[in-house]
Amino acid sequence: CHGLHAFLVPIRDMSNHQPLPGVVVGDIGPKFGFDEVDN
C-alpha cells in the first residue's frame, strides 16, 4: 500500500447519465444549508 492517490473515475454513463455498473451513487439529503447542492 502506497497511501492516498487521486484517480479519475467515471460514475455515470456519458450518453444517458445512468450510474455505471458497480457504482452506487445518490444525494445525502437535506442539510443545515446548501439546499441547492446535491452533496
Full PDB file with SEQRES, HELIX, SHEET, SSBOND, CRYST1, ORIGX, SCALE, CONECT and MASTER records, all heavy atoms in Angstrom:
SEQRES   1 A   39  CYS HIS GLY LEU HIS ALA PHE LEU VAL PRO ILE ARG ASP          
SEQRES   2 A   39  MET SER ASN HIS GLN PRO LEU PRO GLY VAL VAL VAL GLY          
SEQRES   3 A   39  ASP ILE GLY PRO LYS PHE GLY PHE ASP GLU VAL ASP ASN          
CRYST1    1.000    1.000    1.000  90.00  90.00  90.00 P 1           1          
ORIGX1      1.000000  0.000000  0.000000        0.00000                         
ORIGX2      0.000000  1.000000  0.000000        0.00000                         
ORIGX3      0.000000  0.000000  1.000000        0.00000                         
SCALE1      1.000000  0.000000  0.000000        0.00000                         
SCALE2      0.000000  1.000000  0.000000        0.00000                         
SCALE3      0.000000  0.000000  1.000000        0.00000                         
ATOM      1  N   CYS A   1       0.860  -1.188   0.000  1.00  0.00           N  
ATOM      2  CA  CYS A   1       0.000   0.000   0.000  1.00  0.00           C  
ATOM      3  C   CYS A   1       0.892   1.233   0.000  1.00  0.00           C  
ATOM      4  O   CYS A   1       1.802   1.367   0.837  1.00  0.00           O  
ATOM      5  CB  CYS A   1      -0.918   0.012   1.227  1.00  0.00           C  
ATOM      6  SG  CYS A   1      -1.985   1.479   1.293  1.00  0.00           S  
ATOM      7  N   HIS A   2       0.640   2.140  -0.923  1.00  0.00           N  
ATOM      8  CA  HIS A   2       1.472   3.343  -1.060  1.00  0.00           C  
ATOM      9  C   HIS A   2       0.724   4.623  -0.686  1.00  0.00           C  
ATOM     10  O   HIS A   2       1.120   5.717  -1.069  1.00  0.00           O  
ATOM     11  CB  HIS A   2       1.992   3.445  -2.499  1.00  0.00           C  
ATOM     12  CG  HIS A   2       2.902   2.319  -2.874  1.00  0.00           C  
ATOM     13  ND1 HIS A   2       4.215   2.242  -2.455  1.00  0.00           N  
ATOM     14  CD2 HIS A   2       2.669   1.193  -3.607  1.00  0.00           C  
ATOM     15  CE1 HIS A   2       4.768   1.143  -2.932  1.00  0.00           C  
ATOM     16  NE2 HIS A   2       3.854   0.482  -3.628  1.00  0.00           N  
ATOM     17  N   GLY A   3      -0.370   4.481   0.065  1.00  0.00           N  
ATOM     18  CA  GLY A   3      -1.086   5.654   0.558  1.00  0.00           C  
ATOM     19  C   GLY A   3      -2.037   6.246  -0.466  1.00  0.00           C  
ATOM     20  O   GLY A   3      -2.311   5.661  -1.519  1.00  0.00           O  
ATOM     21  N   LEU A   4      -2.536   7.417  -0.149  1.00  0.00           N  
ATOM     22  CA  LEU A   4      -3.581   8.036  -0.957  1.00  0.00           C  
ATOM     23  C   LEU A   4      -3.057   8.584  -2.270  1.00  0.00           C  
ATOM     24  O   LEU A   4      -2.002   9.221  -2.319  1.00  0.00           O  
ATOM     25  CB  LEU A   4      -4.231   9.181  -0.175  1.00  0.00           C  
ATOM     26  CG  LEU A   4      -5.191   8.790   0.940  1.00  0.00           C  
ATOM     27  CD1 LEU A   4      -5.713  10.029   1.622  1.00  0.00           C  
ATOM     28  CD2 LEU A   4      -6.342   7.953   0.403  1.00  0.00           C  
ATOM     29  N   HIS A   5      -3.821   8.339  -3.327  1.00  0.00           N  
ATOM     30  CA  HIS A   5      -3.544   8.897  -4.644  1.00  0.00           C  
ATOM     31  C   HIS A   5      -4.872   9.246  -5.303  1.00  0.00           C  
ATOM     32  O   HIS A   5      -5.935   8.776  -4.888  1.00  0.00           O  
ATOM     33  CB  HIS A   5      -2.748   7.900  -5.500  1.00  0.00           C  
ATOM     34  CG  HIS A   5      -1.340   7.704  -5.026  1.00  0.00           C  
ATOM     35  ND1 HIS A   5      -1.055   7.006  -3.872  1.00  0.00           N  
ATOM     36  CD2 HIS A   5      -0.152   8.131  -5.521  1.00  0.00           C  
ATOM     37  CE1 HIS A   5       0.262   7.006  -3.678  1.00  0.00           C  
ATOM     38  NE2 HIS A   5       0.828   7.673  -4.664  1.00  0.00           N  
ATOM     39  N   ALA A   6      -4.802  10.068  -6.317  1.00  0.00           N  
ATOM     40  CA  ALA A   6      -6.011  10.555  -6.991  1.00  0.00           C  
ATOM     41  C   ALA A   6      -6.267   9.767  -8.267  1.00  0.00           C  
ATOM     42  O   ALA A   6      -5.360   9.560  -9.080  1.00  0.00           O  
ATOM     43  CB  ALA A   6      -5.870  12.044  -7.299  1.00  0.00           C  
ATOM     44  N   PHE A   7      -7.525   9.359  -8.443  1.00  0.00           N  
ATOM     45  CA  PHE A   7      -7.931   8.575  -9.615  1.00  0.00           C  
ATOM     46  C   PHE A   7      -9.159   9.229 -10.251  1.00  0.00           C  
ATOM     47  O   PHE A   7     -10.064   9.679  -9.538  1.00  0.00           O  
ATOM     48  CB  PHE A   7      -8.275   7.140  -9.217  1.00  0.00           C  
ATOM     49  CG  PHE A   7      -7.137   6.403  -8.572  1.00  0.00           C  
ATOM     50  CD1 PHE A   7      -6.888   6.524  -7.202  1.00  0.00           C  
ATOM     51  CD2 PHE A   7      -6.301   5.599  -9.324  1.00  0.00           C  
ATOM     52  CE1 PHE A   7      -5.832   5.861  -6.601  1.00  0.00           C  
ATOM     53  CE2 PHE A   7      -5.236   4.925  -8.734  1.00  0.00           C  
ATOM     54  CZ  PHE A   7      -4.999   5.055  -7.371  1.00  0.00           C  
ATOM     55  N   LEU A   8      -9.171   9.277 -11.573  1.00  0.00           N  
ATOM     56  CA  LEU A   8     -10.338   9.781 -12.290  1.00  0.00           C  
ATOM     57  C   LEU A   8     -11.271   8.602 -12.546  1.00  0.00           C  
ATOM     58  O   LEU A   8     -10.920   7.659 -13.255  1.00  0.00           O  
ATOM     59  CB  LEU A   8      -9.923  10.428 -13.610  1.00  0.00           C  
ATOM     60  CG  LEU A   8     -11.064  11.053 -14.414  1.00  0.00           C  
ATOM     61  CD1 LEU A   8     -11.683  12.216 -13.652  1.00  0.00           C  
ATOM     62  CD2 LEU A   8     -10.578  11.510 -15.778  1.00  0.00           C  
ATOM     63  N   VAL A   9     -12.466   8.661 -11.963  1.00  0.00           N  
ATOM     64  CA  VAL A   9     -13.392   7.533 -12.020  1.00  0.00           C  
ATOM     65  C   VAL A   9     -14.696   7.946 -12.705  1.00  0.00           C  
ATOM     66  O   VAL A   9     -15.409   8.822 -12.201  1.00  0.00           O  
ATOM     67  CB  VAL A   9     -13.709   7.011 -10.600  1.00  0.00           C  
ATOM     68  CG1 VAL A   9     -14.635   5.800 -10.675  1.00  0.00           C  
ATOM     69  CG2 VAL A   9     -12.418   6.649  -9.867  1.00  0.00           C  
ATOM     70  N   PRO A  10     -15.022   7.345 -13.866  1.00  0.00           N  
ATOM     71  CA  PRO A  10     -16.349   7.579 -14.467  1.00  0.00           C  
ATOM     72  C   PRO A  10     -17.420   6.968 -13.562  1.00  0.00           C  
ATOM     73  O   PRO A  10     -17.283   5.816 -13.124  1.00  0.00           O  
ATOM     74  CB  PRO A  10     -16.276   6.837 -15.799  1.00  0.00           C  
ATOM     75  CG  PRO A  10     -14.808   6.628 -16.060  1.00  0.00           C  
ATOM     76  CD  PRO A  10     -14.177   6.483 -14.707  1.00  0.00           C  
ATOM     77  N   ILE A  11     -18.475   7.721 -13.271  1.00  0.00           N  
ATOM     78  CA  ILE A  11     -19.504   7.194 -12.375  1.00  0.00           C  
ATOM     79  C   ILE A  11     -20.879   7.122 -13.036  1.00  0.00           C  
ATOM     80  O   ILE A  11     -21.761   6.405 -12.553  1.00  0.00           O  
ATOM     81  CB  ILE A  11     -19.602   8.024 -11.075  1.00  0.00           C  
ATOM     82  CG1 ILE A  11     -19.902   9.496 -11.376  1.00  0.00           C  
ATOM     83  CG2 ILE A  11     -18.334   7.877 -10.256  1.00  0.00           C  
ATOM     84  CD1 ILE A  11     -20.124  10.333 -10.128  1.00  0.00           C  
ATOM     85  N   ARG A  12     -21.063   7.859 -14.142  1.00  0.00           N  
ATOM     86  CA  ARG A  12     -22.342   7.816 -14.851  1.00  0.00           C  
ATOM     87  C   ARG A  12     -22.089   7.686 -16.346  1.00  0.00           C  
ATOM     88  O   ARG A  12     -21.072   8.163 -16.858  1.00  0.00           O  
ATOM     89  CB  ARG A  12     -23.172   9.081 -14.570  1.00  0.00           C  
ATOM     90  CG  ARG A  12     -23.707   9.167 -13.142  1.00  0.00           C  
ATOM     91  CD  ARG A  12     -24.533  10.433 -12.933  1.00  0.00           C  
ATOM     92  NE  ARG A  12     -25.055  10.515 -11.584  1.00  0.00           N  
ATOM     93  CZ  ARG A  12     -26.210   9.989 -11.174  1.00  0.00           C  
ATOM     94  NH1 ARG A  12     -26.965   9.337 -12.055  1.00  0.00           N  
ATOM     95  NH2 ARG A  12     -26.601  10.103  -9.927  1.00  0.00           N  
ATOM     96  N   ASP A  13     -23.009   7.037 -17.020  1.00  0.00           N  
ATOM     97  CA  ASP A  13     -22.921   6.863 -18.467  1.00  0.00           C  
ATOM     98  C   ASP A  13     -22.983   8.228 -19.148  1.00  0.00           C  
ATOM     99  O   ASP A  13     -23.854   9.048 -18.847  1.00  0.00           O  
ATOM    100  CB  ASP A  13     -24.080   5.984 -18.944  1.00  0.00           C  
ATOM    101  CG  ASP A  13     -23.907   5.538 -20.388  1.00  0.00           C  
ATOM    102  OD1 ASP A  13     -23.916   6.406 -21.281  1.00  0.00           O  
ATOM    103  OD2 ASP A  13     -23.802   4.315 -20.614  1.00  0.00           O  
ATOM    104  N   MET A  14     -22.053   8.488 -20.064  1.00  0.00           N  
ATOM    105  CA  MET A  14     -21.971   9.795 -20.730  1.00  0.00           C  
ATOM    106  C   MET A  14     -23.169  10.038 -21.650  1.00  0.00           C  
ATOM    107  O   MET A  14     -23.482  11.176 -21.984  1.00  0.00           O  
ATOM    108  CB  MET A  14     -20.678   9.885 -21.535  1.00  0.00           C  
ATOM    109  CG  MET A  14     -19.419   9.768 -20.693  1.00  0.00           C  
ATOM    110  SD  MET A  14     -18.952  11.290 -19.888  1.00  0.00           S  
ATOM    111  CE  MET A  14     -18.111  12.126 -21.242  1.00  0.00           C  
ATOM    112  N   SER A  15     -23.868   8.980 -22.058  1.00  0.00           N  
ATOM    113  CA  SER A  15     -24.970   9.150 -23.014  1.00  0.00           C  
ATOM    114  C   SER A  15     -26.317   9.345 -22.336  1.00  0.00           C  
ATOM    115  O   SER A  15     -27.168  10.087 -22.822  1.00  0.00           O  
ATOM    116  CB  SER A  15     -25.037   7.948 -23.961  1.00  0.00           C  
ATOM    117  OG  SER A  15     -25.301   6.758 -23.228  1.00  0.00           O  
ATOM    118  N   ASN A  16     -26.525   8.675 -21.194  1.00  0.00           N  
ATOM    119  CA  ASN A  16     -27.852   8.761 -20.561  1.00  0.00           C  
ATOM    120  C   ASN A  16     -27.802   9.140 -19.083  1.00  0.00           C  
ATOM    121  O   ASN A  16     -28.833   9.214 -18.419  1.00  0.00           O  
ATOM    122  CB  ASN A  16     -28.612   7.449 -20.737  1.00  0.00           C  
ATOM    123  CG  ASN A  16     -27.856   6.265 -20.132  1.00  0.00           C  
ATOM    124  OD1 ASN A  16     -27.016   6.419 -19.250  1.00  0.00           O  
ATOM    125  ND2 ASN A  16     -28.160   5.067 -20.627  1.00  0.00           N  
ATOM    126  N   HIS A  17     -26.613   9.333 -18.540  1.00  0.00           N  
ATOM    127  CA  HIS A  17     -26.406   9.802 -17.159  1.00  0.00           C  
ATOM    128  C   HIS A  17     -26.789   8.756 -16.113  1.00  0.00           C  
ATOM    129  O   HIS A  17     -26.859   9.051 -14.928  1.00  0.00           O  
ATOM    130  CB  HIS A  17     -27.173  11.112 -16.912  1.00  0.00           C  
ATOM    131  CG  HIS A  17     -26.516  12.002 -15.887  1.00  0.00           C  
ATOM    132  ND1 HIS A  17     -25.232  12.499 -16.011  1.00  0.00           N  
ATOM    133  CD2 HIS A  17     -26.988  12.501 -14.710  1.00  0.00           C  
ATOM    134  CE1 HIS A  17     -24.943  13.263 -14.970  1.00  0.00           C  
ATOM    135  NE2 HIS A  17     -25.972  13.274 -14.160  1.00  0.00           N  
ATOM    136  N   GLN A  18     -27.028   7.514 -16.536  1.00  0.00           N  
ATOM    137  CA  GLN A  18     -27.321   6.453 -15.576  1.00  0.00           C  
ATOM    138  C   GLN A  18     -26.035   6.009 -14.873  1.00  0.00           C  
ATOM    139  O   GLN A  18     -24.955   5.995 -15.474  1.00  0.00           O  
ATOM    140  CB  GLN A  18     -27.944   5.253 -16.290  1.00  0.00           C  
ATOM    141  CG  GLN A  18     -29.350   5.487 -16.811  1.00  0.00           C  
ATOM    142  CD  GLN A  18     -30.366   5.630 -15.689  1.00  0.00           C  
ATOM    143  OE1 GLN A  18     -30.239   5.013 -14.639  1.00  0.00           O  
ATOM    144  NE2 GLN A  18     -31.373   6.453 -15.930  1.00  0.00           N  
ATOM    145  N   PRO A  19     -26.113   5.621 -13.573  1.00  0.00           N  
ATOM    146  CA  PRO A  19     -24.917   5.123 -12.883  1.00  0.00           C  
ATOM    147  C   PRO A  19     -24.326   3.918 -13.605  1.00  0.00           C  
ATOM    148  O   PRO A  19     -25.058   3.057 -14.108  1.00  0.00           O  
ATOM    149  CB  PRO A  19     -25.440   4.741 -11.497  1.00  0.00           C  
ATOM    150  CG  PRO A  19     -26.659   5.589 -11.308  1.00  0.00           C  
ATOM    151  CD  PRO A  19     -27.272   5.711 -12.679  1.00  0.00           C  
ATOM    152  N   LEU A  20     -23.005   3.853 -13.662  1.00  0.00           N  
ATOM    153  CA  LEU A  20     -22.311   2.750 -14.326  1.00  0.00           C  
ATOM    154  C   LEU A  20     -22.312   1.507 -13.440  1.00  0.00           C  
ATOM    155  O   LEU A  20     -22.544   1.598 -12.225  1.00  0.00           O  
ATOM    156  CB  LEU A  20     -20.876   3.178 -14.656  1.00  0.00           C  
ATOM    157  CG  LEU A  20     -20.757   4.281 -15.715  1.00  0.00           C  
ATOM    158  CD1 LEU A  20     -19.333   4.818 -15.765  1.00  0.00           C  
ATOM    159  CD2 LEU A  20     -21.172   3.756 -17.087  1.00  0.00           C  
ATOM    160  N   PRO A  21     -22.052   0.339 -14.013  1.00  0.00           N  
ATOM    161  CA  PRO A  21     -22.011  -0.892 -13.218  1.00  0.00           C  
ATOM    162  C   PRO A  21     -21.022  -0.774 -12.059  1.00  0.00           C  
ATOM    163  O   PRO A  21     -19.900  -0.268 -12.223  1.00  0.00           O  
ATOM    164  CB  PRO A  21     -21.548  -1.949 -14.228  1.00  0.00           C  
ATOM    165  CG  PRO A  21     -22.002  -1.413 -15.560  1.00  0.00           C  
ATOM    166  CD  PRO A  21     -21.854   0.073 -15.456  1.00  0.00           C  
ATOM    167  N   GLY A  22     -21.439  -1.235 -10.896  1.00  0.00           N  
ATOM    168  CA  GLY A  22     -20.582  -1.190  -9.715  1.00  0.00           C  
ATOM    169  C   GLY A  22     -20.603   0.135  -8.983  1.00  0.00           C  
ATOM    170  O   GLY A  22     -19.979   0.267  -7.926  1.00  0.00           O  
ATOM    171  N   VAL A  23     -21.312   1.120  -9.526  1.00  0.00           N  
ATOM    172  CA  VAL A  23     -21.364   2.455  -8.917  1.00  0.00           C  
ATOM    173  C   VAL A  23     -22.726   2.654  -8.250  1.00  0.00           C  
ATOM    174  O   VAL A  23     -23.765   2.573  -8.901  1.00  0.00           O  
ATOM    175  CB  VAL A  23     -21.130   3.562  -9.958  1.00  0.00           C  
ATOM    176  CG1 VAL A  23     -21.344   4.936  -9.336  1.00  0.00           C  
ATOM    177  CG2 VAL A  23     -19.730   3.453 -10.550  1.00  0.00           C  
ATOM    178  N   VAL A  24     -22.708   2.888  -6.947  1.00  0.00           N  
ATOM    179  CA  VAL A  24     -23.925   3.233  -6.204  1.00  0.00           C  
ATOM    180  C   VAL A  24     -23.771   4.693  -5.789  1.00  0.00           C  
ATOM    181  O   VAL A  24     -22.878   5.026  -5.004  1.00  0.00           O  
ATOM    182  CB  VAL A  24     -24.113   2.331  -4.972  1.00  0.00           C  
ATOM    183  CG1 VAL A  24     -25.394   2.694  -4.233  1.00  0.00           C  
ATOM    184  CG2 VAL A  24     -24.110   0.863  -5.375  1.00  0.00           C  
ATOM    185  N   VAL A  25     -24.615   5.564  -6.309  1.00  0.00           N  
ATOM    186  CA  VAL A  25     -24.435   6.995  -6.115  1.00  0.00           C  
ATOM    187  C   VAL A  25     -25.782   7.666  -5.874  1.00  0.00           C  
ATOM    188  O   VAL A  25     -26.812   7.228  -6.405  1.00  0.00           O  
ATOM    189  CB  VAL A  25     -23.715   7.630  -7.337  1.00  0.00           C  
ATOM    190  CG1 VAL A  25     -24.544   7.494  -8.606  1.00  0.00           C  
ATOM    191  CG2 VAL A  25     -23.342   9.087  -7.092  1.00  0.00           C  
ATOM    192  N   GLY A  26     -25.796   8.712  -5.055  1.00  0.00           N  
ATOM    193  CA  GLY A  26     -27.046   9.430  -4.797  1.00  0.00           C  
ATOM    194  C   GLY A  26     -26.820  10.638  -3.906  1.00  0.00           C  
ATOM    195  O   GLY A  26     -25.690  10.966  -3.530  1.00  0.00           O  
ATOM    196  N   ASP A  27     -27.910  11.302  -3.563  1.00  0.00           N  
ATOM    197  CA  ASP A  27     -27.902  12.518  -2.751  1.00  0.00           C  
ATOM    198  C   ASP A  27     -28.018  12.155  -1.273  1.00  0.00           C  
ATOM    199  O   ASP A  27     -28.756  11.237  -0.913  1.00  0.00           O  
ATOM    200  CB  ASP A  27     -29.090  13.403  -3.170  1.00  0.00           C  
ATOM    201  CG  ASP A  27     -29.189  14.675  -2.362  1.00  0.00           C  
ATOM    202  OD1 ASP A  27     -28.451  15.617  -2.654  1.00  0.00           O  
ATOM    203  OD2 ASP A  27     -30.018  14.718  -1.429  1.00  0.00           O  
ATOM    204  N   ILE A  28     -27.303  12.869  -0.390  1.00  0.00           N  
ATOM    205  CA  ILE A  28     -27.300  12.515   1.036  1.00  0.00           C  
ATOM    206  C   ILE A  28     -28.462  13.128   1.806  1.00  0.00           C  
ATOM    207  O   ILE A  28     -28.639  12.839   2.988  1.00  0.00           O  
ATOM    208  CB  ILE A  28     -25.971  12.908   1.722  1.00  0.00           C  
ATOM    209  CG1 ILE A  28     -25.797  14.430   1.761  1.00  0.00           C  
ATOM    210  CG2 ILE A  28     -24.794  12.209   1.083  1.00  0.00           C  
ATOM    211  CD1 ILE A  28     -24.640  14.878   2.634  1.00  0.00           C  
ATOM    212  N   GLY A  29     -29.274  13.983   1.162  1.00  0.00           N  
ATOM    213  CA  GLY A  29     -30.446  14.528   1.841  1.00  0.00           C  
ATOM    214  C   GLY A  29     -30.235  15.950   2.337  1.00  0.00           C  
ATOM    215  O   GLY A  29     -29.158  16.537   2.190  1.00  0.00           O  
ATOM    216  N   PRO A  30     -31.286  16.539   2.959  1.00  0.00           N  
ATOM    217  CA  PRO A  30     -31.216  17.935   3.416  1.00  0.00           C  
ATOM    218  C   PRO A  30     -30.129  18.146   4.472  1.00  0.00           C  
ATOM    219  O   PRO A  30     -29.806  17.238   5.243  1.00  0.00           O  
ATOM    220  CB  PRO A  30     -32.607  18.187   4.009  1.00  0.00           C  
ATOM    221  CG  PRO A  30     -33.486  17.151   3.391  1.00  0.00           C  
ATOM    222  CD  PRO A  30     -32.603  15.952   3.186  1.00  0.00           C  
ATOM    223  N   LYS A  31     -29.611  19.363   4.498  1.00  0.00           N  
ATOM    224  CA  LYS A  31     -28.517  19.726   5.390  1.00  0.00           C  
ATOM    225  C   LYS A  31     -28.867  21.017   6.125  1.00  0.00           C  
ATOM    226  O   LYS A  31     -29.961  21.558   5.965  1.00  0.00           O  
ATOM    227  CB  LYS A  31     -27.229  19.893   4.569  1.00  0.00           C  
ATOM    228  CG  LYS A  31     -26.916  18.695   3.674  1.00  0.00           C  
ATOM    229  CD  LYS A  31     -25.897  19.024   2.606  1.00  0.00           C  
ATOM    230  CE  LYS A  31     -26.422  19.956   1.534  1.00  0.00           C  
ATOM    231  NZ  LYS A  31     -27.368  19.308   0.591  1.00  0.00           N  
ATOM    232  N   PHE A  32     -27.950  21.544   6.887  1.00  0.00           N  
ATOM    233  CA  PHE A  32     -28.136  22.812   7.603  1.00  0.00           C  
ATOM    234  C   PHE A  32     -28.345  23.959   6.620  1.00  0.00           C  
ATOM    235  O   PHE A  32     -29.065  24.912   6.880  1.00  0.00           O  
ATOM    236  CB  PHE A  32     -26.896  23.066   8.472  1.00  0.00           C  
ATOM    237  CG  PHE A  32     -26.998  24.264   9.370  1.00  0.00           C  
ATOM    238  CD1 PHE A  32     -28.115  24.470  10.168  1.00  0.00           C  
ATOM    239  CD2 PHE A  32     -25.959  25.177   9.445  1.00  0.00           C  
ATOM    240  CE1 PHE A  32     -28.194  25.571  11.011  1.00  0.00           C  
ATOM    241  CE2 PHE A  32     -26.029  26.278  10.282  1.00  0.00           C  
ATOM    242  CZ  PHE A  32     -27.146  26.477  11.072  1.00  0.00           C  
ATOM    243  N   GLY A  33     -27.710  23.866   5.476  1.00  0.00           N  
ATOM    244  CA  GLY A  33     -27.837  24.843   4.404  1.00  0.00           C  
ATOM    245  C   GLY A  33     -27.556  24.144   3.079  1.00  0.00           C  
ATOM    246  O   GLY A  33     -27.810  22.954   2.921  1.00  0.00           O  
ATOM    247  N   PHE A  34     -27.040  24.887   2.087  1.00  0.00           N  
ATOM    248  CA  PHE A  34     -26.649  24.296   0.795  1.00  0.00           C  
ATOM    249  C   PHE A  34     -27.812  23.525   0.158  1.00  0.00           C  
ATOM    250  O   PHE A  34     -27.624  22.449  -0.406  1.00  0.00           O  
ATOM    251  CB  PHE A  34     -25.451  23.358   0.972  1.00  0.00           C  
ATOM    252  CG  PHE A  34     -24.125  24.071   1.066  1.00  0.00           C  
ATOM    253  CD1 PHE A  34     -23.871  24.965   2.087  1.00  0.00           C  
ATOM    254  CD2 PHE A  34     -23.133  23.862   0.127  1.00  0.00           C  
ATOM    255  CE1 PHE A  34     -22.653  25.627   2.178  1.00  0.00           C  
ATOM    256  CE2 PHE A  34     -21.915  24.515   0.207  1.00  0.00           C  
ATOM    257  CZ  PHE A  34     -21.671  25.405   1.235  1.00  0.00           C  
ATOM    258  N   ASP A  35     -29.013  24.068   0.240  1.00  0.00           N  
ATOM    259  CA  ASP A  35     -30.173  23.357  -0.299  1.00  0.00           C  
ATOM    260  C   ASP A  35     -30.095  23.164  -1.810  1.00  0.00           C  
ATOM    261  O   ASP A  35     -30.748  22.266  -2.361  1.00  0.00           O  
ATOM    262  CB  ASP A  35     -31.459  24.122   0.043  1.00  0.00           C  
ATOM    263  CG  ASP A  35     -31.809  24.025   1.518  1.00  0.00           C  
ATOM    264  OD1 ASP A  35     -31.428  23.023   2.138  1.00  0.00           O  
ATOM    265  OD2 ASP A  35     -32.449  24.950   2.049  1.00  0.00           O  
ATOM    266  N   GLU A  36     -29.328  24.008  -2.491  1.00  0.00           N  
ATOM    267  CA  GLU A  36     -29.250  23.926  -3.946  1.00  0.00           C  
ATOM    268  C   GLU A  36     -28.228  22.902  -4.435  1.00  0.00           C  
ATOM    269  O   GLU A  36     -28.146  22.634  -5.638  1.00  0.00           O  
ATOM    270  CB  GLU A  36     -28.874  25.296  -4.535  1.00  0.00           C  
ATOM    271  CG  GLU A  36     -29.874  26.396  -4.233  1.00  0.00           C  
ATOM    272  CD  GLU A  36     -29.803  26.878  -2.796  1.00  0.00           C  
ATOM    273  OE1 GLU A  36     -28.724  26.824  -2.180  1.00  0.00           O  
ATOM    274  OE2 GLU A  36     -30.847  27.294  -2.271  1.00  0.00           O  
ATOM    275  N   VAL A  37     -27.437  22.362  -3.525  1.00  0.00           N  
ATOM    276  CA  VAL A  37     -26.325  21.489  -3.914  1.00  0.00           C  
ATOM    277  C   VAL A  37     -26.647  20.039  -3.587  1.00  0.00           C  
ATOM    278  O   VAL A  37     -27.122  19.724  -2.495  1.00  0.00           O  
ATOM    279  CB  VAL A  37     -25.018  21.907  -3.208  1.00  0.00           C  
ATOM    280  CG1 VAL A  37     -23.868  20.983  -3.603  1.00  0.00           C  
ATOM    281  CG2 VAL A  37     -24.679  23.351  -3.560  1.00  0.00           C  
ATOM    282  N   ASP A  38     -26.358  19.162  -4.556  1.00  0.00           N  
ATOM    283  CA  ASP A  38     -26.598  17.727  -4.384  1.00  0.00           C  
ATOM    284  C   ASP A  38     -25.372  17.056  -3.779  1.00  0.00           C  
ATOM    285  O   ASP A  38     -24.716  16.226  -4.414  1.00  0.00           O  
ATOM    286  CB  ASP A  38     -26.972  17.080  -5.717  1.00  0.00           C  
ATOM    287  CG  ASP A  38     -25.954  17.363  -6.817  1.00  0.00           C  
ATOM    288  OD1 ASP A  38     -25.387  18.469  -6.824  1.00  0.00           O  
ATOM    289  OD2 ASP A  38     -25.732  16.492  -7.676  1.00  0.00           O  
ATOM    290  N   ASN A  39     -25.069  17.394  -2.535  1.00  0.00           N  
ATOM    291  CA  ASN A  39     -23.998  16.674  -1.846  1.00  0.00           C  
ATOM    292  C   ASN A  39     -24.342  15.189  -1.864  1.00  0.00           C  
ATOM    293  O   ASN A  39     -25.476  14.809  -1.565  1.00  0.00           O  
ATOM    294  CB  ASN A  39     -23.862  17.161  -0.403  1.00  0.00           C  
ATOM    295  CG  ASN A  39     -23.440  18.614  -0.329  1.00  0.00           C  
ATOM    296  OD1 ASN A  39     -24.278  19.511  -0.404  1.00  0.00           O  
ATOM    297  ND2 ASN A  39     -22.153  18.850  -0.216  1.00  0.00           N  
TER     298      ASN A  39                                                      
MASTER        0    0    0    0    0    0    0    6  297    1    0    3          
END                                                                             
